[in-house]
């Protein structure tokens, strides 16, 4: 009797749906060290090659495929920047779309979008942005994190916003003259012998309720004193 023929390990996973496969991959992803160092600022980071290398074998094992698609060029956000030394570069934001497919059941799939960001002083901004989008999507999908990404680790210093002084003239908040005050001024003015021209002139200068009260007090005083010193007061 011959020896039983062992089946390839991958055949045992063909019945799993896509989410079951992703769950198993997530559980098997090991710790990924920060093998890269930023040349300008000196901080360590997880390289894309390390992420791809860790997942490549697991994707093959479980039959998972990731198909990337880039946003059309005219829809990308691109701008020129100039460094402190005068070098001209390109700053790029590009939306990438990743379709994750169960290779054993190709209709079992989903698509996610992820924005890649890059700044380059050569001709690599597009490639860098695409790599950034794929790297960070894979890290989020499979819970691969690195120190320094936790939003609660640092509290940004509060920004101070300086608002320029508003030099536009402000509308007066004083209470305007009421119709009752206008009527009383006209009535008292006629009683002390003032004509309509005088009343119109005073009305044009009397803009607030406080002004009107002062005019009324003076007219009342003239009336009570029978017109003594009228010319001196109203000249």
C-alpha atoms as a PDB file:
ATOM      1  CA  UNK A   1       0.000   0.000   0.000  1.00  0.00           C
ATOM      2  CA  UNK A   2       1.514   3.315  -1.062  1.00  0.00           C
ATOM      3  CA  UNK A   3       2.207   6.322   1.099  1.00  0.00           C
ATOM      4  CA  UNK A   4      -0.661   8.900   1.267  1.00  0.00           C
ATOM      5  CA  UNK A   5       0.002  11.869  -0.961  1.00  0.00           C
ATOM      6  CA  UNK A   6       0.089  15.080   1.059  1.00  0.00           C
ATOM      7  CA  UNK A   7      -1.726  18.042  -0.412  1.00  0.00           C
ATOM      8  CA  UNK A   8      -0.079  21.474  -0.659  1.00  0.00           C
ATOM      9  CA  UNK A   9      -0.807  23.550   2.446  1.00  0.00           C
ATOM     10  CA  UNK A  10      -2.518  26.232   0.349  1.00  0.00           C
ATOM     11  CA  UNK A  11      -5.231  23.816  -0.746  1.00  0.00           C
ATOM     12  CA  UNK A  12      -6.586  23.783   2.786  1.00  0.00           C
ATOM     13  CA  UNK A  13      -7.495  27.475   2.535  1.00  0.00           C
ATOM     14  CA  UNK A  14      -9.444  27.489  -0.723  1.00  0.00           C
ATOM     15  CA  UNK A  15     -12.791  27.219   1.067  1.00  0.00           C
ATOM     16  CA  UNK A  16     -12.148  30.347   3.148  1.00  0.00           C
ATOM     17  CA  UNK A  17     -13.855  33.549   2.102  1.00  0.00           C
ATOM     18  CA  UNK A  18     -11.818  36.700   1.594  1.00  0.00           C
ATOM     19  CA  UNK A  19     -12.419  38.130   5.056  1.00  0.00           C
ATOM     20  CA  UNK A  20     -11.457  34.863   6.705  1.00  0.00           C
ATOM     21  CA  UNK A  21      -8.221  34.853   4.730  1.00  0.00           C
ATOM     22  CA  UNK A  22      -7.461  38.462   5.692  1.00  0.00           C
ATOM     23  CA  UNK A  23      -8.096  37.640   9.331  1.00  0.00           C
ATOM     24  CA  UNK A  24      -5.612  34.763   9.200  1.00  0.00           C
ATOM     25  CA  UNK A  25      -3.010  36.895   7.418  1.00  0.00           C
ATOM     26  CA  UNK A  26      -3.421  39.578  10.081  1.00  0.00           C
ATOM     27  CA  UNK A  27      -2.836  37.003  12.767  1.00  0.00           C
ATOM     28  CA  UNK A  28       0.329  35.702  11.116  1.00  0.00           C
ATOM     29  CA  UNK A  29       2.009  39.006  10.275  1.00  0.00           C
ATOM     30  CA  UNK A  30       5.054  39.269  12.472  1.00  0.00           C
ATOM     31  CA  UNK A  31       6.645  42.362  13.962  1.00  0.00           C
ATOM     32  CA  UNK A  32       8.319  44.497  11.334  1.00  0.00           C
ATOM     33  CA  UNK A  33      11.341  46.446  12.429  1.00  0.00           C
ATOM     34  CA  UNK A  34      12.128  49.972  11.389  1.00  0.00           C
ATOM     35  CA  UNK A  35      14.854  49.317   8.888  1.00  0.00           C
ATOM     36  CA  UNK A  36      14.800  52.703   7.204  1.00  0.00           C
ATOM     37  CA  UNK A  37      16.238  56.008   8.417  1.00  0.00           C
ATOM     38  CA  UNK A  38      15.205  59.401   7.140  1.00  0.00           C
ATOM     39  CA  UNK A  39      18.347  61.087   5.842  1.00  0.00           C
ATOM     40  CA  UNK A  40      17.230  64.647   6.575  1.00  0.00           C
ATOM     41  CA  UNK A  41      15.537  64.314   9.976  1.00  0.00           C
ATOM     42  CA  UNK A  42      17.113  61.097  11.209  1.00  0.00           C
ATOM     43  CA  UNK A  43      13.990  59.251  12.360  1.00  0.00           C
ATOM     44  CA  UNK A  44      13.448  55.544  11.759  1.00  0.00           C
ATOM     45  CA  UNK A  45      10.590  54.131   9.714  1.00  0.00           C
ATOM     46  CA  UNK A  46       9.228  50.862   8.364  1.00  0.00           C
ATOM     47  CA  UNK A  47      10.246  50.484   4.743  1.00  0.00           C
ATOM     48  CA  UNK A  48       7.780  49.527   2.025  1.00  0.00           C
ATOM     49  CA  UNK A  49      10.062  46.639   1.017  1.00  0.00           C
ATOM     50  CA  UNK A  50       9.792  45.194   4.524  1.00  0.00           C
ATOM     51  CA  UNK A  51       5.971  45.406   4.487  1.00  0.00           C
ATOM     52  CA  UNK A  52       5.731  43.887   1.008  1.00  0.00           C
ATOM     53  CA  UNK A  53       8.251  41.183   1.888  1.00  0.00           C
ATOM     54  CA  UNK A  54       6.337  40.170   5.002  1.00  0.00           C
ATOM     55  CA  UNK A  55       2.984  39.986   3.199  1.00  0.00           C
ATOM     56  CA  UNK A  56       4.077  38.517  -0.135  1.00  0.00           C
ATOM     57  CA  UNK A  57       4.421  34.980   1.181  1.00  0.00           C
ATOM     58  CA  UNK A  58       1.171  35.195   3.169  1.00  0.00           C
ATOM     59  CA  UNK A  59      -0.737  36.433   0.121  1.00  0.00           C
ATOM     60  CA  UNK A  60       0.565  33.474  -1.877  1.00  0.00           C
ATOM     61  CA  UNK A  61      -0.202  31.060   0.957  1.00  0.00           C
ATOM     62  CA  UNK A  62      -3.831  32.152   1.320  1.00  0.00           C
ATOM     63  CA  UNK A  63      -4.522  33.091  -2.279  1.00  0.00           C
ATOM     64  CA  UNK A  64      -5.045  36.837  -1.919  1.00  0.00           C
ATOM     65  CA  UNK A  65      -4.274  39.332  -4.678  1.00  0.00           C
ATOM     66  CA  UNK A  66      -4.108  43.147  -4.448  1.00  0.00           C
ATOM     67  CA  UNK A  67      -4.625  44.967  -7.749  1.00  0.00           C
ATOM     68  CA  UNK A  68      -3.694  48.685  -7.698  1.00  0.00           C
ATOM     69  CA  UNK A  69      -5.192  51.410  -9.874  1.00  0.00           C
ATOM     70  CA  UNK A  70      -4.046  55.034  -9.965  1.00  0.00           C
ATOM     71  CA  UNK A  71      -6.201  58.114 -10.300  1.00  0.00           C
ATOM     72  CA  UNK A  72      -6.035  59.784 -13.703  1.00  0.00           C
ATOM     73  CA  UNK A  73      -3.298  62.377 -14.025  1.00  0.00           C
ATOM     74  CA  UNK A  74      -5.603  65.352 -14.587  1.00  0.00           C
ATOM     75  CA  UNK A  75      -7.393  64.594 -11.312  1.00  0.00           C
ATOM     76  CA  UNK A  76      -4.234  64.520  -9.216  1.00  0.00           C
ATOM     77  CA  UNK A  77      -3.295  67.427  -6.979  1.00  0.00           C
ATOM     78  CA  UNK A  78       0.144  68.646  -7.993  1.00  0.00           C
ATOM     79  CA  UNK A  79       2.000  71.839  -7.106  1.00  0.00           C
ATOM     80  CA  UNK A  80       5.523  73.181  -7.401  1.00  0.00           C
ATOM     81  CA  UNK A  81       7.535  73.969  -4.301  1.00  0.00           C
ATOM     82  CA  UNK A  82      10.875  75.673  -3.815  1.00  0.00           C
ATOM     83  CA  UNK A  83      13.287  74.649  -1.066  1.00  0.00           C
ATOM     84  CA  UNK A  84      15.244  77.066   1.123  1.00  0.00           C
ATOM     85  CA  UNK A  85      18.228  76.420  -1.158  1.00  0.00           C
ATOM     86  CA  UNK A  86      16.268  77.284  -4.286  1.00  0.00           C
ATOM     87  CA  UNK A  87      15.652  73.747  -5.576  1.00  0.00           C
ATOM     88  CA  UNK A  88      12.329  73.291  -7.391  1.00  0.00           C
ATOM     89  CA  UNK A  89      10.309  70.171  -6.654  1.00  0.00           C
ATOM     90  CA  UNK A  90       6.847  68.650  -7.004  1.00  0.00           C
ATOM     91  CA  UNK A  91       4.358  68.083  -4.208  1.00  0.00           C
ATOM     92  CA  UNK A  92       1.755  65.476  -5.154  1.00  0.00           C
ATOM     93  CA  UNK A  93      -1.448  64.068  -3.703  1.00  0.00           C
ATOM     94  CA  UNK A  94      -2.856  61.093  -5.609  1.00  0.00           C
ATOM     95  CA  UNK A  95      -5.769  58.777  -4.878  1.00  0.00           C
ATOM     96  CA  UNK A  96      -4.976  55.098  -5.337  1.00  0.00           C
ATOM     97  CA  UNK A  97      -7.585  52.330  -5.560  1.00  0.00           C
ATOM     98  CA  UNK A  98      -6.759  48.833  -4.339  1.00  0.00           C
ATOM     99  CA  UNK A  99      -8.973  45.877  -5.255  1.00  0.00           C
ATOM    100  CA  UNK A 100      -8.410  42.982  -2.866  1.00  0.00           C
ATOM    101  CA  UNK A 101      -9.399  39.684  -4.494  1.00  0.00           C
ATOM    102  CA  UNK A 102      -9.858  36.132  -3.273  1.00  0.00           C
ATOM    103  CA  UNK A 103      -7.877  34.235  -5.932  1.00  0.00           C
ATOM    104  CA  UNK A 104      -9.866  31.066  -5.239  1.00  0.00           C
ATOM    105  CA  UNK A 105     -13.159  32.881  -5.841  1.00  0.00           C
ATOM    106  CA  UNK A 106     -12.468  36.008  -7.942  1.00  0.00           C
ATOM    107  CA  UNK A 107     -15.970  37.438  -7.431  1.00  0.00           C
ATOM    108  CA  UNK A 108     -15.170  37.636  -3.722  1.00  0.00           C
ATOM    109  CA  UNK A 109     -13.476  41.047  -3.623  1.00  0.00           C
ATOM    110  CA  UNK A 110     -13.664  44.657  -2.452  1.00  0.00           C
ATOM    111  CA  UNK A 111     -12.035  47.943  -3.399  1.00  0.00           C
ATOM    112  CA  UNK A 112     -10.644  50.629  -1.113  1.00  0.00           C
ATOM    113  CA  UNK A 113      -9.191  54.048  -1.901  1.00  0.00           C
ATOM    114  CA  UNK A 114      -6.135  55.536  -0.241  1.00  0.00           C
ATOM    115  CA  UNK A 115      -4.405  58.880  -0.724  1.00  0.00           C
ATOM    116  CA  UNK A 116      -0.669  58.924  -1.309  1.00  0.00           C
ATOM    117  CA  UNK A 117       1.421  62.012  -0.578  1.00  0.00           C
ATOM    118  CA  UNK A 118       4.937  62.768  -1.780  1.00  0.00           C
ATOM    119  CA  UNK A 119       7.422  65.574  -2.295  1.00  0.00           C
ATOM    120  CA  UNK A 120      10.323  65.059  -4.663  1.00  0.00           C
ATOM    121  CA  UNK A 121      12.924  67.318  -6.259  1.00  0.00           C
ATOM    122  CA  UNK A 122      13.372  65.007  -9.233  1.00  0.00           C
ATOM    123  CA  UNK A 123      10.939  62.989 -11.304  1.00  0.00           C
ATOM    124  CA  UNK A 124       9.890  60.452  -8.654  1.00  0.00           C
ATOM    125  CA  UNK A 125       6.911  62.220  -7.000  1.00  0.00           C
ATOM    126  CA  UNK A 126       4.298  60.014  -8.700  1.00  0.00           C
ATOM    127  CA  UNK A 127       6.079  56.765  -7.845  1.00  0.00           C
ATOM    128  CA  UNK A 128       6.693  57.869  -4.279  1.00  0.00           C
ATOM    129  CA  UNK A 129       3.042  58.852  -3.781  1.00  0.00           C
ATOM    130  CA  UNK A 130       1.836  55.506  -5.172  1.00  0.00           C
ATOM    131  CA  UNK A 131       4.244  53.573  -2.934  1.00  0.00           C
ATOM    132  CA  UNK A 132       3.201  55.641   0.081  1.00  0.00           C
ATOM    133  CA  UNK A 133      -0.485  54.918  -0.533  1.00  0.00           C
ATOM    134  CA  UNK A 134       0.070  51.150  -0.900  1.00  0.00           C
ATOM    135  CA  UNK A 135       2.415  50.909   2.082  1.00  0.00           C
ATOM    136  CA  UNK A 136       0.119  52.716   4.505  1.00  0.00           C
ATOM    137  CA  UNK A 137      -2.999  50.953   3.241  1.00  0.00           C
ATOM    138  CA  UNK A 138      -1.372  47.570   3.875  1.00  0.00           C
ATOM    139  CA  UNK A 139      -0.165  48.686   7.299  1.00  0.00           C
ATOM    140  CA  UNK A 140      -3.657  49.792   8.317  1.00  0.00           C
ATOM    141  CA  UNK A 141      -5.376  46.751   6.796  1.00  0.00           C
ATOM    142  CA  UNK A 142      -3.150  44.292   8.669  1.00  0.00           C
ATOM    143  CA  UNK A 143      -2.649  46.304  11.884  1.00  0.00           C
ATOM    144  CA  UNK A 144       1.036  46.969  11.287  1.00  0.00           C
ATOM    145  CA  UNK A 145       1.922  50.062  13.281  1.00  0.00           C
ATOM    146  CA  UNK A 146       5.019  51.900  14.327  1.00  0.00           C
ATOM    147  CA  UNK A 147       5.819  54.078  17.318  1.00  0.00           C
ATOM    148  CA  UNK A 148       4.938  57.706  16.741  1.00  0.00           C
ATOM    149  CA  UNK A 149       1.699  57.097  14.861  1.00  0.00           C
ATOM    150  CA  UNK A 150      -0.596  57.169  17.896  1.00  0.00           C
ATOM    151  CA  UNK A 151      -2.555  60.427  17.875  1.00  0.00           C
ATOM    152  CA  UNK A 152      -2.531  60.501  21.699  1.00  0.00           C
ATOM    153  CA  UNK A 153       1.267  60.283  21.958  1.00  0.00           C
ATOM    154  CA  UNK A 154       1.818  63.988  21.398  1.00  0.00           C
ATOM    155  CA  UNK A 155      -0.233  67.080  22.121  1.00  0.00           C
ATOM    156  CA  UNK A 156       0.454  69.747  19.486  1.00  0.00           C
ATOM    157  CA  UNK A 157       1.269  73.175  20.828  1.00  0.00           C
ATOM    158  CA  UNK A 158      -1.824  75.370  20.530  1.00  0.00           C
ATOM    159  CA  UNK A 159      -1.599  77.623  17.507  1.00  0.00           C
ATOM    160  CA  UNK A 160      -1.803  81.357  18.022  1.00  0.00           C
ATOM    161  CA  UNK A 161      -3.887  83.036  15.377  1.00  0.00           C
ATOM    162  CA  UNK A 162      -3.229  86.729  15.054  1.00  0.00           C
ATOM    163  CA  UNK A 163      -6.286  88.564  13.802  1.00  0.00           C
ATOM    164  CA  UNK A 164      -5.519  91.977  12.265  1.00  0.00           C
ATOM    165  CA  UNK A 165      -7.238  94.880  13.907  1.00  0.00           C
ATOM    166  CA  UNK A 166     -10.499  95.823  12.250  1.00  0.00           C
ATOM    167  CA  UNK A 167     -10.198  99.444  11.212  1.00  0.00           C
ATOM    168  CA  UNK A 168     -13.591  99.699   9.494  1.00  0.00           C
ATOM    169  CA  UNK A 169     -15.916 102.244  11.101  1.00  0.00           C
ATOM    170  CA  UNK A 170     -18.350 100.667  13.506  1.00  0.00           C
ATOM    171  CA  UNK A 171     -22.019 101.470  13.329  1.00  0.00           C
ATOM    172  CA  UNK A 172     -23.244 103.425  16.340  1.00  0.00           C
ATOM    173  CA  UNK A 173     -25.002 101.336  18.950  1.00  0.00           C
ATOM    174  CA  UNK A 174     -26.636 104.383  20.581  1.00  0.00           C
ATOM    175  CA  UNK A 175     -30.421 104.407  20.797  1.00  0.00           C
ATOM    176  CA  UNK A 176     -31.893 106.504  17.950  1.00  0.00           C
ATOM    177  CA  UNK A 177     -34.283 109.407  18.361  1.00  0.00           C
ATOM    178  CA  UNK A 178     -37.869 108.236  18.852  1.00  0.00           C
ATOM    179  CA  UNK A 179     -40.892 109.685  17.053  1.00  0.00           C
ATOM    180  CA  UNK A 180     -42.227 110.799  20.406  1.00  0.00           C
ATOM    181  CA  UNK A 181     -39.055 112.819  21.057  1.00  0.00           C
ATOM    182  CA  UNK A 182     -39.239 114.389  17.591  1.00  0.00           C
ATOM    183  CA  UNK A 183     -42.831 115.443  18.189  1.00  0.00           C
ATOM    184  CA  UNK A 184     -42.008 116.923  21.596  1.00  0.00           C
ATOM    185  CA  UNK A 185     -39.069 118.897  20.168  1.00  0.00           C
ATOM    186  CA  UNK A 186     -41.266 120.359  17.421  1.00  0.00           C
ATOM    187  CA  UNK A 187     -44.036 121.228  19.893  1.00  0.00           C
ATOM    188  CA  UNK A 188     -41.717 122.945  22.396  1.00  0.00           C
ATOM    189  CA  UNK A 189     -39.849 124.755  19.609  1.00  0.00           C
ATOM    190  CA  UNK A 190     -43.074 126.294  18.332  1.00  0.00           C
ATOM    191  CA  UNK A 191     -44.032 127.295  21.866  1.00  0.00           C
ATOM    192  CA  UNK A 192     -40.789 129.271  22.324  1.00  0.00           C
ATOM    193  CA  UNK A 193     -41.110 130.909  18.913  1.00  0.00           C
ATOM    194  CA  UNK A 194     -38.818 128.811  16.705  1.00  0.00           C
ATOM    195  CA  UNK A 195     -39.739 128.418  13.021  1.00  0.00           C
ATOM    196  CA  UNK A 196     -39.739 125.266  10.878  1.00  0.00           C
ATOM    197  CA  UNK A 197     -36.298 125.966   9.410  1.00  0.00           C
ATOM    198  CA  UNK A 198     -34.825 126.072  12.898  1.00  0.00           C
ATOM    199  CA  UNK A 199     -36.598 122.842  13.800  1.00  0.00           C
ATOM    200  CA  UNK A 200     -35.355 121.074  10.633  1.00  0.00           C
ATOM    201  CA  UNK A 201     -31.774 122.207  11.343  1.00  0.00           C
ATOM    202  CA  UNK A 202     -31.927 120.892  14.924  1.00  0.00           C
ATOM    203  CA  UNK A 203     -33.477 117.619  13.810  1.00  0.00           C
ATOM    204  CA  UNK A 204     -30.627 117.008  11.344  1.00  0.00           C
ATOM    205  CA  UNK A 205     -28.078 117.430  14.157  1.00  0.00           C
ATOM    206  CA  UNK A 206     -30.028 115.383  16.684  1.00  0.00           C
ATOM    207  CA  UNK A 207     -29.190 111.723  15.945  1.00  0.00           C
ATOM    208  CA  UNK A 208     -29.506 109.866  19.224  1.00  0.00           C
ATOM    209  CA  UNK A 209     -32.061 109.622  21.985  1.00  0.00           C
ATOM    210  CA  UNK A 210     -29.564 111.242  24.353  1.00  0.00           C
ATOM    211  CA  UNK A 211     -29.146 114.200  21.964  1.00  0.00           C
ATOM    212  CA  UNK A 212     -32.920 114.582  21.753  1.00  0.00           C
ATOM    213  CA  UNK A 213     -33.268 114.535  25.531  1.00  0.00           C
ATOM    214  CA  UNK A 214     -30.713 117.340  25.800  1.00  0.00           C
ATOM    215  CA  UNK A 215     -32.598 119.455  23.209  1.00  0.00           C
ATOM    216  CA  UNK A 216     -35.890 118.832  24.980  1.00  0.00           C
ATOM    217  CA  UNK A 217     -34.393 119.882  28.342  1.00  0.00           C
ATOM    218  CA  UNK A 218     -33.073 123.114  26.868  1.00  0.00           C
ATOM    219  CA  UNK A 219     -36.337 123.915  25.097  1.00  0.00           C
ATOM    220  CA  UNK A 220     -38.238 123.210  28.304  1.00  0.00           C
ATOM    221  CA  UNK A 221     -35.879 125.531  30.192  1.00  0.00           C
ATOM    222  CA  UNK A 222     -36.495 128.279  27.623  1.00  0.00           C
ATOM    223  CA  UNK A 223     -40.211 127.816  27.946  1.00  0.00           C
ATOM    224  CA  UNK A 224     -40.068 127.938  31.761  1.00  0.00           C
ATOM    225  CA  UNK A 225     -37.954 131.084  31.762  1.00  0.00           C
ATOM    226  CA  UNK A 226     -40.138 132.846  29.216  1.00  0.00           C
ATOM    227  CA  UNK A 227     -37.391 132.983  26.681  1.00  0.00           C
ATOM    228  CA  UNK A 228     -34.660 134.544  28.822  1.00  0.00           C
ATOM    229  CA  UNK A 229     -31.229 134.146  27.201  1.00  0.00           C
ATOM    230  CA  UNK A 230     -32.717 132.332  24.187  1.00  0.00           C
ATOM    231  CA  UNK A 231     -30.366 133.948  21.731  1.00  0.00           C
ATOM    232  CA  UNK A 232     -27.307 133.103  23.850  1.00  0.00           C
ATOM    233  CA  UNK A 233     -28.327 129.442  24.212  1.00  0.00           C
ATOM    234  CA  UNK A 234     -29.383 128.752  20.615  1.00  0.00           C
ATOM    235  CA  UNK A 235     -27.193 131.022  18.581  1.00  0.00           C
END
